[in-house]
Amino acid sequence: MNVKSVEKQEKSAVQLVIEIGGEEFEAAVQKAYLKQRNKINVPGFRKGKAPRKIIEGMFGSGVFYEDAINELYPKAYADAVEQEKLDVVSWPNVEVLEAGKDGLTFKATVTVRPEVKLGEYKGLTAEKEEVKITDEDIDNELKPYINRASRMVTVEREAQNGDTVVIDFEGFKDGVPFDGGKAEGHSLELGSGAFIPGFEDQLVGTKAGDEKDVNVTFPEDYHAEDLAGAPVVFKVKVHEVKEKQLPTVDDEFAKDVSEFDTLEAFKKDLADKLTERREAQAKRAFEAAIMEQVMDNMEVEIPDAMVAYETDQMVEDMARRIQAQGIPFEQYMAMTGMTIDMVRSQAAAAAMERVRRDLALGAVVAAENIEISDEDLEAEYKRLADEYHMELDQVKAAAPAEDVKKGLAIQKAEQVIYDSAKVGKAPAKKKTTKKKAEEAEGEAAEGEEKPKKRRTTKKKTEEAPAEEAPAQEKTEE
């Protein structure tokens, strides 16, 4: 591999012209022939036995070039990036310039990390919420424990909101039963909003043994097209009315639902935990406000390709997480009425913010001359091994040292910023980055041309926020 030329272009693009010698290219062509010959039918020869020259005579001398090129260029490109010490932040756009007996020459255009001019990043000021816990807050913390300790008791009276009715029902549209509209012995809490609007309200005032026609109209956006916006009648029979009986909240209750002997001690523990959570939330909000100022204070022209690449990473991560739940990504999109362009559009703004943060913190790492020692690296590997219950060698194999070092350096840069930050009135917001997050939506949706074989840019160490598949829609409605 030989890098023939390196040319810097606008918007942080770099164009590499890379050469691969004739001998190496010939070896790749021969490898492609050996791999493909069993798939090619040549009259007069058994499958897989036709000489390469015969096949090239039939289909052209370049019949195996594409496979040979795809075999060679990813590594050659990666080696060129490493040799030229380029910090690439996008997929490469590859164009073959020449391929033949003299070798392979191709052009790879890639976006590199843009230059960042840092503004103020130390001694910044932002507001921080003062955490106060009220009696009402503690009561709200108690509610889940009270609900779990409550019991349902059958009552001989008319149903009220908050009661649970046990019912049989069957739905009819234009006098004809429809699929999914029938159930027996179904428990429904009135006022819960579990059924379509109007259904539960019409059962308030009923009692055991009552039969009632419930007239409702399905919402216009209901998932079943034949029922969307349609008026229907549900024939309902009420079997039972149940009310929730709450426990007495006293020391005995505290003993039953917690590790504490008194209600006072239990409430204090709830207050302490709530305080800890809210203080953590306030700290995160404060740090987010400080980091936003750091990003606003920097000057940088963010390349479209960098945002598009980050958007790709986020969409792919989302797909992996959804598929890990047993739902194919294509099925998830069909369930939610999404297209891949819509998913990319939603991810684009978050991708822009991630890019801005990465650029800002990378610039702080450089400004502060932050370096990670071998001791720091080894300590982080041990921490990860303990956290994920893995062997140290497994962690080292799964997490490249350079990625781990980058993550540690980013953490130290954050600490530099936050340790110097002060609580006070936040300054007026300003925007100095030349590319705003809202512009990313359309541009990142376009994406970049991806290489056919494998990624050669380093995978980002920061993962995307977890996405979850939606809960299945209720069929009782």
Protein backbone atom coordinates (compact mmCIF):
# COMPACT_ATOMS: atom_id res chain seq x y z
CA MET A 1 0.00 0.00 0.00
CA ASN A 2 1.26 3.43 -0.94
CA VAL A 3 -0.41 6.76 -0.23
CA LYS A 4 0.14 8.65 -3.46
CA SER A 5 -1.37 11.95 -2.30
CA VAL A 6 -3.22 13.60 0.58
CA GLU A 7 -5.32 16.65 -0.23
CA LYS A 8 -7.23 18.73 2.30
CA GLN A 9 -10.57 20.03 1.05
CA GLU A 10 -13.31 22.28 2.41
CA LYS A 11 -15.57 21.30 5.31
CA SER A 12 -12.86 19.18 6.94
CA ALA A 13 -12.75 16.69 4.06
CA VAL A 14 -9.52 14.92 3.11
CA GLN A 15 -8.94 13.11 -0.17
CA LEU A 16 -6.50 10.20 -0.19
CA VAL A 17 -5.20 8.58 -3.36
CA ILE A 18 -4.01 5.09 -2.46
CA GLU A 19 -2.10 2.63 -4.61
CA ILE A 20 -1.86 -1.17 -4.28
CA GLY A 21 0.86 -2.93 -6.26
CA GLY A 22 0.29 -5.26 -9.18
CA GLU A 23 1.47 -8.37 -7.36
CA GLU A 24 -0.88 -7.83 -4.41
CA PHE A 25 -3.80 -7.03 -6.71
CA GLU A 26 -3.13 -10.14 -8.81
CA ALA A 27 -3.17 -12.28 -5.65
CA ALA A 28 -6.56 -10.80 -4.70
CA VAL A 29 -7.93 -11.46 -8.21
CA GLN A 30 -6.73 -15.08 -8.01
CA LYS A 31 -8.39 -15.43 -4.60
CA ALA A 32 -11.64 -14.05 -6.03
CA TYR A 33 -11.43 -16.55 -8.92
CA LEU A 34 -10.96 -19.49 -6.55
CA LYS A 35 -13.91 -18.31 -4.48
CA GLN A 36 -16.27 -17.71 -7.41
CA ARG A 37 -15.42 -20.47 -9.88
CA ASN A 38 -17.85 -22.99 -8.36
CA LYS A 39 -20.71 -20.58 -9.12
CA ILE A 40 -19.86 -20.13 -12.82
CA ASN A 41 -21.10 -22.49 -15.53
CA VAL A 42 -18.69 -22.90 -18.45
CA PRO A 43 -19.66 -25.23 -21.33
CA GLY A 44 -17.26 -28.17 -21.62
CA PHE A 45 -16.06 -27.94 -18.01
CA ARG A 46 -17.36 -29.40 -14.80
CA LYS A 47 -18.51 -26.78 -12.29
CA GLY A 48 -15.51 -25.27 -10.55
CA LYS A 49 -12.98 -26.74 -13.01
CA ALA A 50 -12.91 -24.02 -15.67
CA PRO A 51 -9.51 -22.24 -15.86
CA ARG A 52 -9.45 -18.59 -14.93
CA LYS A 53 -8.34 -17.52 -18.44
CA ILE A 54 -11.34 -19.28 -20.00
CA ILE A 55 -13.75 -17.50 -17.62
CA GLU A 56 -12.04 -14.14 -18.23
CA GLY A 57 -12.26 -14.77 -21.96
CA MET A 58 -16.00 -15.31 -21.69
CA PHE A 59 -16.88 -12.51 -19.28
CA GLY A 60 -14.00 -10.04 -19.63
CA SER A 61 -10.63 -9.65 -17.97
CA GLY A 62 -12.16 -7.66 -15.11
CA VAL A 63 -14.76 -10.25 -14.13
CA PHE A 64 -13.12 -10.78 -10.72
CA TYR A 65 -11.98 -7.20 -10.15
CA GLU A 66 -14.91 -6.09 -8.02
CA ASP A 67 -14.45 -8.90 -5.51
CA ALA A 68 -10.69 -8.29 -5.47
CA ILE A 69 -11.19 -4.57 -4.86
CA ASN A 70 -13.67 -5.20 -2.04
CA GLU A 71 -11.13 -7.58 -0.53
CA LEU A 72 -8.26 -5.10 -0.64
CA TYR A 73 -9.51 -1.56 -0.17
CA PRO A 74 -10.81 -1.66 3.45
CA LYS A 75 -7.45 -2.63 4.92
CA ALA A 76 -5.52 -0.37 2.55
CA TYR A 77 -7.76 2.55 3.51
CA ALA A 78 -7.42 1.79 7.24
CA ASP A 79 -3.63 1.54 6.92
CA ALA A 80 -3.53 4.85 5.05
CA VAL A 81 -5.62 6.57 7.75
CA GLU A 82 -3.28 5.25 10.44
CA GLN A 83 -0.17 6.20 8.48
CA GLU A 84 -1.40 9.76 7.90
CA LYS A 85 -2.69 9.98 11.49
CA LEU A 86 -6.13 11.15 10.41
CA ASP A 87 -8.93 11.41 12.99
CA VAL A 88 -11.77 10.35 10.69
CA VAL A 89 -15.37 11.01 11.70
CA SER A 90 -17.39 9.71 8.75
CA TRP A 91 -17.72 6.87 6.30
CA PRO A 92 -15.26 7.05 3.38
CA ASN A 93 -16.50 7.70 -0.14
CA VAL A 94 -14.43 5.37 -2.32
CA GLU A 95 -13.85 5.74 -6.07
CA VAL A 96 -11.72 3.35 -8.13
CA LEU A 97 -9.35 5.27 -10.43
CA GLU A 98 -7.51 2.39 -12.03
CA ALA A 99 -7.48 -1.42 -11.78
CA GLY A 100 -5.48 -3.85 -13.87
CA LYS A 101 -2.24 -5.76 -14.18
CA ASP A 102 -0.31 -2.78 -12.80
CA GLY A 103 -2.37 -2.80 -9.61
CA LEU A 104 -5.19 -0.86 -8.03
CA THR A 105 -5.46 2.89 -7.48
CA PHE A 106 -8.45 4.32 -5.65
CA LYS A 107 -9.51 7.61 -4.15
CA ALA A 108 -11.02 7.77 -0.66
CA THR A 109 -12.67 11.00 0.46
CA VAL A 110 -13.31 11.17 4.17
CA THR A 111 -14.24 13.77 6.77
CA VAL A 112 -11.80 14.39 9.61
CA ARG A 113 -12.38 15.99 12.99
CA PRO A 114 -12.77 19.74 12.42
CA GLU A 115 -10.68 22.34 14.18
CA VAL A 116 -12.32 23.69 17.32
CA LYS A 117 -11.69 27.11 18.81
CA LEU A 118 -12.59 26.85 22.48
CA GLY A 119 -14.21 29.71 24.29
CA GLU A 120 -14.59 29.90 28.04
CA TYR A 121 -14.89 26.51 29.67
CA LYS A 122 -13.72 27.15 33.24
CA GLY A 123 -15.47 29.14 35.96
CA LEU A 124 -18.85 29.02 34.23
CA THR A 125 -22.03 29.75 36.17
CA ALA A 126 -25.47 28.10 36.07
CA GLU A 127 -28.49 27.84 38.30
CA LYS A 128 -28.95 24.74 40.44
CA GLU A 129 -32.23 23.66 41.92
CA GLU A 130 -32.38 23.64 45.70
CA VAL A 131 -33.79 20.31 46.85
CA LYS A 132 -36.63 20.48 49.38
CA ILE A 133 -38.73 17.51 50.47
CA THR A 134 -42.30 18.17 51.67
CA ASP A 135 -44.80 16.02 53.55
CA GLU A 136 -46.73 15.67 50.30
CA ASP A 137 -43.60 14.26 48.63
CA ILE A 138 -43.30 11.63 51.36
CA ASP A 139 -46.99 10.76 51.01
CA ASN A 140 -46.46 10.23 47.29
CA GLU A 141 -43.49 7.97 48.03
CA LEU A 142 -45.71 5.93 50.34
CA LYS A 143 -48.48 5.44 47.79
CA PRO A 144 -46.94 2.47 45.93
CA TYR A 145 -46.47 0.61 49.22
CA ILE A 146 -50.05 1.40 50.26
CA ASN A 147 -51.42 0.23 46.92
CA ARG A 148 -49.49 -3.03 47.08
CA ALA A 149 -50.79 -3.66 50.62
CA SER A 150 -54.39 -2.88 49.69
CA ARG A 151 -56.99 -5.58 48.89
CA MET A 152 -60.04 -5.77 46.68
CA VAL A 153 -63.34 -6.44 48.44
CA THR A 154 -66.70 -7.18 46.79
CA VAL A 155 -69.35 -4.58 47.68
CA GLU A 156 -73.14 -4.57 47.25
CA ARG A 157 -73.57 -1.05 45.88
CA GLU A 158 -73.38 0.96 42.70
CA ALA A 159 -69.95 1.25 41.10
CA GLN A 160 -67.97 4.44 41.56
CA ASN A 161 -64.84 5.80 39.92
CA GLY A 162 -61.90 3.94 41.39
CA ASP A 163 -63.89 0.73 41.83
CA THR A 164 -63.14 -2.39 39.80
CA VAL A 165 -66.00 -4.07 37.94
CA VAL A 166 -65.91 -7.67 36.71
CA ILE A 167 -67.74 -7.74 33.39
CA ASP A 168 -68.56 -9.70 30.26
CA PHE A 169 -68.74 -7.61 27.09
CA GLU A 170 -69.16 -7.94 23.35
CA GLY A 171 -68.81 -5.16 20.79
CA PHE A 172 -71.01 -4.66 17.72
CA LYS A 173 -70.54 -2.43 14.70
CA ASP A 174 -73.69 -1.94 12.63
CA GLY A 175 -75.18 -4.86 14.56
CA VAL A 176 -72.32 -7.24 13.68
CA PRO A 177 -69.76 -8.47 16.25
CA PHE A 178 -66.18 -7.40 15.48
CA ASP A 179 -62.88 -9.18 16.16
CA GLY A 180 -61.23 -8.45 19.50
CA GLY A 181 -64.37 -6.93 20.96
CA LYS A 182 -65.39 -9.76 23.28
CA ALA A 183 -64.25 -10.89 26.73
CA GLU A 184 -65.65 -12.67 29.78
CA GLY A 185 -64.83 -12.12 33.44
CA HIS A 186 -62.73 -9.07 32.64
CA SER A 187 -61.67 -6.85 35.57
CA LEU A 188 -61.78 -3.14 34.73
CA GLU A 189 -60.87 -0.28 37.06
CA LEU A 190 -63.25 2.60 36.40
CA GLY A 191 -61.43 5.84 35.72
CA SER A 192 -58.21 4.10 34.71
CA GLY A 193 -58.53 5.05 31.04
CA ALA A 194 -57.77 1.46 29.99
CA PHE A 195 -60.68 1.37 27.54
CA ILE A 196 -61.64 3.79 24.80
CA PRO A 197 -63.02 7.16 25.96
CA GLY A 198 -66.58 7.03 27.30
CA PHE A 199 -66.70 3.29 28.03
CA GLU A 200 -65.78 3.41 31.71
CA ASP A 201 -67.86 6.52 32.42
CA GLN A 202 -71.04 4.70 31.36
CA LEU A 203 -70.44 1.90 33.87
CA VAL A 204 -70.36 4.29 36.84
CA GLY A 205 -73.61 3.68 38.73
CA THR A 206 -74.05 0.06 37.65
CA LYS A 207 -74.18 -2.81 40.13
CA ALA A 208 -73.83 -6.59 40.11
CA GLY A 209 -76.39 -8.21 37.79
CA ASP A 210 -76.91 -5.13 35.60
CA GLU A 211 -76.82 -5.37 31.83
CA LYS A 212 -76.09 -2.25 29.84
CA ASP A 213 -75.52 -1.14 26.26
CA VAL A 214 -72.47 1.12 26.14
CA ASN A 215 -72.35 3.41 23.11
CA VAL A 216 -68.91 4.73 22.18
CA THR A 217 -66.97 5.90 19.13
CA PHE A 218 -63.47 4.62 18.43
CA PRO A 219 -60.76 7.29 18.08
CA GLU A 220 -59.90 8.41 14.54
CA ASP A 221 -56.33 7.18 14.99
CA TYR A 222 -57.30 3.72 16.31
CA HIS A 223 -54.90 1.03 15.07
CA ALA A 224 -57.63 -1.13 13.44
CA GLU A 225 -58.64 0.76 10.29
CA ASP A 226 -62.13 -0.80 10.10
CA LEU A 227 -62.92 0.56 13.59
CA ALA A 228 -61.14 3.93 13.47
CA GLY A 229 -63.73 6.67 13.99
CA ALA A 230 -66.59 4.15 13.98
CA PRO A 231 -69.57 4.25 16.40
CA VAL A 232 -70.10 0.89 18.15
CA VAL A 233 -72.22 -0.68 20.87
CA PHE A 234 -70.83 -2.87 23.64
CA LYS A 235 -73.30 -5.16 25.37
CA VAL A 236 -72.02 -5.38 28.95
CA LYS A 237 -73.03 -7.56 31.90
CA VAL A 238 -71.74 -6.63 35.36
CA HIS A 239 -70.91 -9.57 37.64
CA GLU A 240 -69.18 -7.87 40.57
CA VAL A 241 -68.29 -4.47 41.95
CA LYS A 242 -65.10 -4.34 44.03
CA GLU A 243 -63.60 -1.53 46.04
CA LYS A 244 -60.01 -1.12 47.10
CA GLN A 245 -59.58 -1.26 50.87
CA LEU A 246 -56.45 0.53 51.97
CA PRO A 247 -54.38 -0.57 54.96
CA THR A 248 -53.96 1.49 58.10
CA VAL A 249 -50.68 3.32 57.72
CA ASP A 250 -49.00 2.81 61.09
CA ASP A 251 -46.01 1.05 62.64
CA GLU A 252 -47.44 -2.39 61.81
CA PHE A 253 -47.79 -1.33 58.19
CA ALA A 254 -44.17 -0.18 58.16
CA LYS A 255 -43.06 -3.56 59.54
CA ASP A 256 -45.02 -5.38 56.83
CA VAL A 257 -43.72 -3.42 53.85
CA SER A 258 -40.19 -2.46 54.91
CA GLU A 259 -37.23 -3.36 57.08
CA PHE A 260 -38.15 -0.70 59.66
CA ASP A 261 -40.01 -1.15 62.95
CA THR A 262 -41.70 2.27 62.97
CA LEU A 263 -43.52 4.39 60.43
CA GLU A 264 -41.35 7.35 61.37
CA ALA A 265 -38.14 5.46 60.54
CA PHE A 266 -39.64 4.22 57.27
CA LYS A 267 -40.66 7.75 56.25
CA LYS A 268 -37.19 9.08 57.10
CA ASP A 269 -35.62 6.43 54.86
CA LEU A 270 -38.00 7.35 52.03
CA ALA A 271 -37.14 11.03 52.51
CA ASP A 272 -33.40 10.31 52.47
CA LYS A 273 -33.65 8.27 49.27
CA LEU A 274 -35.86 10.86 47.58
CA THR A 275 -33.44 13.61 48.58
CA GLU A 276 -30.55 11.63 47.13
CA ARG A 277 -32.42 11.10 43.83
CA ARG A 278 -33.42 14.74 43.49
CA GLU A 279 -29.96 15.98 44.36
CA ALA A 280 -28.54 13.69 41.67
CA GLN A 281 -31.12 15.07 39.20
CA ALA A 282 -30.25 18.64 40.17
CA LYS A 283 -26.54 17.89 39.75
CA ARG A 284 -27.11 16.39 36.28
CA ALA A 285 -29.23 19.38 35.24
CA PHE A 286 -26.58 21.79 36.52
CA GLU A 287 -23.80 19.98 34.69
CA ALA A 288 -25.89 19.83 31.50
CA ALA A 289 -26.39 23.61 31.67
CA ILE A 290 -22.66 24.15 32.17
CA MET A 291 -21.78 21.84 29.27
CA GLU A 292 -24.27 23.63 27.03
CA GLN A 293 -22.38 26.86 27.71
CA VAL A 294 -19.07 25.19 26.82
CA MET A 295 -20.55 24.05 23.52
CA ASP A 296 -22.11 27.45 22.84
CA ASN A 297 -18.81 29.20 23.56
CA MET A 298 -16.77 27.18 21.07
CA GLU A 299 -16.39 28.05 17.41
CA VAL A 300 -16.46 25.17 14.94
CA GLU A 301 -17.85 24.31 11.55
CA ILE A 302 -19.45 20.92 12.00
CA PRO A 303 -19.36 18.82 8.81
CA ASP A 304 -22.63 17.32 7.60
CA ALA A 305 -20.90 13.96 7.16
CA MET A 306 -19.94 13.86 10.83
CA VAL A 307 -23.57 14.28 11.92
CA ALA A 308 -24.73 11.74 9.33
CA TYR A 309 -22.19 9.21 10.63
CA GLU A 310 -23.28 9.73 14.24
CA THR A 311 -26.92 9.41 13.16
CA ASP A 312 -26.09 6.07 11.54
CA GLN A 313 -24.47 4.90 14.77
CA MET A 314 -27.51 5.86 16.84
CA VAL A 315 -30.01 4.21 14.46
CA GLU A 316 -27.95 1.02 14.34
CA ASP A 317 -27.68 0.97 18.12
CA MET A 318 -31.44 1.47 18.42
CA ALA A 319 -32.04 -1.42 16.00
CA ARG A 320 -29.73 -3.70 18.00
CA ARG A 321 -31.50 -2.89 21.25
CA ILE A 322 -34.98 -3.48 19.81
CA GLN A 323 -33.90 -6.74 18.18
CA ALA A 324 -32.39 -7.84 21.51
CA GLN A 325 -35.97 -7.70 22.85
CA GLY A 326 -36.99 -10.22 20.19
CA ILE A 327 -38.60 -7.74 17.81
CA PRO A 328 -37.14 -7.42 14.28
CA PHE A 329 -36.42 -3.76 13.53
CA GLU A 330 -38.53 -3.84 10.36
CA GLN A 331 -41.46 -5.16 12.40
CA TYR A 332 -40.95 -2.43 15.01
CA MET A 333 -41.11 0.24 12.31
CA ALA A 334 -44.27 -1.32 10.86
CA MET A 335 -45.87 -1.43 14.34
CA THR A 336 -45.10 2.23 14.97
CA GLY A 337 -45.80 3.45 11.43
CA MET A 338 -42.21 4.65 11.07
CA THR A 339 -39.90 4.62 8.06
CA ILE A 340 -36.12 4.53 8.21
CA ASP A 341 -36.04 8.17 7.09
CA MET A 342 -38.36 9.11 9.97
CA VAL A 343 -36.15 7.22 12.44
CA ARG A 344 -33.06 9.00 11.09
CA SER A 345 -34.82 12.36 11.24
CA GLN A 346 -35.70 11.83 14.91
CA ALA A 347 -32.14 10.76 15.71
CA ALA A 348 -30.49 13.64 13.85
CA ALA A 349 -30.93 16.36 16.49
CA ALA A 350 -29.58 14.07 19.23
CA ALA A 351 -26.69 13.11 16.94
CA MET A 352 -25.86 16.79 16.46
CA GLU A 353 -25.75 17.36 20.23
CA ARG A 354 -23.56 14.31 20.70
CA VAL A 355 -21.17 15.58 18.01
CA ARG A 356 -21.04 19.05 19.59
CA ARG A 357 -20.29 17.55 23.01
CA ASP A 358 -17.62 15.23 21.59
CA LEU A 359 -15.90 18.12 19.82
CA ALA A 360 -16.03 20.38 22.87
CA LEU A 361 -14.66 17.79 25.27
CA GLY A 362 -12.02 16.67 22.79
CA ALA A 363 -10.85 20.27 22.56
CA VAL A 364 -10.68 20.50 26.37
CA VAL A 365 -8.62 17.30 26.48
CA ALA A 366 -6.15 18.92 24.08
CA ALA A 367 -6.15 22.29 25.87
CA GLU A 368 -5.51 20.66 29.25
CA ASN A 369 -2.93 18.20 27.85
CA ILE A 370 -4.86 15.37 29.46
CA GLU A 371 -3.11 12.02 29.14
CA ILE A 372 -4.10 8.60 30.45
CA SER A 373 -1.36 6.55 32.09
CA ASP A 374 -1.00 2.79 31.82
CA GLU A 375 -1.96 2.62 35.49
CA ASP A 376 -5.20 4.53 34.81
CA LEU A 377 -5.96 2.21 31.90
CA GLU A 378 -5.35 -0.94 33.94
CA ALA A 379 -7.50 0.36 36.81
CA GLU A 380 -10.36 1.07 34.38
CA TYR A 381 -10.11 -2.41 32.90
CA LYS A 382 -10.34 -3.89 36.40
CA ARG A 383 -13.34 -1.70 37.20
CA LEU A 384 -15.12 -2.82 34.03
CA ALA A 385 -14.31 -6.45 34.75
CA ASP A 386 -15.84 -6.14 38.23
CA GLU A 387 -18.89 -4.25 36.96
CA TYR A 388 -19.72 -6.72 34.20
CA HIS A 389 -18.52 -9.84 36.06
CA MET A 390 -16.03 -10.70 33.31
CA GLU A 391 -12.47 -11.93 33.21
CA LEU A 392 -9.88 -9.18 32.76
CA ASP A 393 -8.66 -10.69 29.47
CA GLN A 394 -12.22 -10.76 28.13
CA VAL A 395 -12.68 -7.06 28.89
CA LYS A 396 -9.38 -6.16 27.24
CA ALA A 397 -10.36 -8.11 24.14
CA ALA A 398 -13.78 -6.45 23.97
CA ALA A 399 -12.68 -2.87 24.72
CA PRO A 400 -9.70 -1.57 22.69
CA ALA A 401 -7.19 0.34 24.80
CA GLU A 402 -7.45 3.50 22.67
CA ASP A 403 -11.23 3.62 23.10
CA VAL A 404 -10.94 3.16 26.86
CA LYS A 405 -8.26 5.85 27.08
CA LYS A 406 -10.44 8.24 25.09
CA GLY A 407 -13.35 7.63 27.45
CA LEU A 408 -11.18 8.27 30.50
CA ALA A 409 -9.76 11.44 28.96
CA ILE A 410 -13.28 12.71 28.26
CA GLN A 411 -14.23 12.02 31.89
CA LYS A 412 -11.23 14.01 33.11
CA ALA A 413 -12.14 16.88 30.77
CA GLU A 414 -15.66 16.90 32.20
CA GLN A 415 -14.23 17.03 35.70
CA VAL A 416 -12.07 20.02 34.79
CA ILE A 417 -15.18 21.84 33.61
CA TYR A 418 -17.48 20.87 36.48
CA ASP A 419 -14.94 21.36 39.28
CA SER A 420 -14.47 24.97 38.28
CA ALA A 421 -18.18 25.69 37.70
CA LYS A 422 -20.16 27.85 40.12
CA VAL A 423 -23.79 28.00 41.17
CA GLY A 424 -25.40 31.30 40.27
CA LYS A 425 -27.41 33.07 37.63
CA ALA A 426 -26.89 31.59 34.17
CA PRO A 427 -25.68 33.98 31.44
CA ALA A 428 -27.83 34.83 28.44
CA LYS A 429 -27.77 31.99 25.93
CA LYS A 430 -25.74 32.45 22.79
CA LYS A 431 -24.94 30.25 19.84
CA THR A 432 -21.58 30.33 18.08
CA THR A 433 -21.39 26.97 16.37
CA LYS A 434 -21.95 27.50 12.68
CA LYS A 435 -24.22 24.47 12.40
CA LYS A 436 -27.31 24.37 14.60
CA ALA A 437 -28.99 21.21 15.82
CA GLU A 438 -32.23 21.92 14.00
CA GLU A 439 -30.36 22.02 10.67
CA ALA A 440 -29.11 18.49 11.25
CA GLU A 441 -32.52 16.89 10.82
CA GLY A 442 -32.73 17.17 7.05
CA GLU A 443 -29.01 16.93 6.34
CA ALA A 444 -28.30 13.84 8.44
CA ALA A 445 -31.29 12.08 6.88
CA GLU A 446 -29.43 12.12 3.58
CA GLY A 447 -26.58 10.06 5.05
CA GLU A 448 -23.25 9.24 3.46
CA GLU A 449 -22.28 6.52 1.03
CA LYS A 450 -21.13 3.54 3.07
CA PRO A 451 -18.35 1.14 2.10
CA LYS A 452 -19.50 -2.26 0.90
CA LYS A 453 -17.41 -4.37 3.21
CA ARG A 454 -16.59 -3.07 6.65
CA ARG A 455 -16.28 0.07 8.70
CA THR A 456 -12.81 1.40 9.00
CA THR A 457 -13.42 4.39 11.23
CA LYS A 458 -13.09 3.83 14.96
CA LYS A 459 -16.36 3.07 16.65
CA LYS A 460 -17.46 5.68 19.15
CA THR A 461 -17.14 4.60 22.76
CA GLU A 462 -20.20 6.54 23.91
CA GLU A 463 -23.36 4.51 23.42
CA ALA A 464 -26.70 5.82 22.50
CA PRO A 465 -29.44 6.06 24.96
CA ALA A 466 -31.40 2.86 25.28
CA GLU A 467 -34.52 2.59 23.10
CA GLU A 468 -37.38 0.31 24.05
CA ALA A 469 -40.03 -1.32 21.93
CA PRO A 470 -43.55 -0.06 22.56
CA ALA A 471 -45.93 -2.06 24.67
CA GLN A 472 -48.49 -4.00 22.67
CA GLU A 473 -51.79 -2.22 22.26
CA LYS A 474 -54.70 -3.44 24.33
CA THR A 475 -57.07 -5.75 22.51
CA GLU A 476 -59.90 -5.42 25.01
CA GLU A 477 -60.95 -2.08 23.65
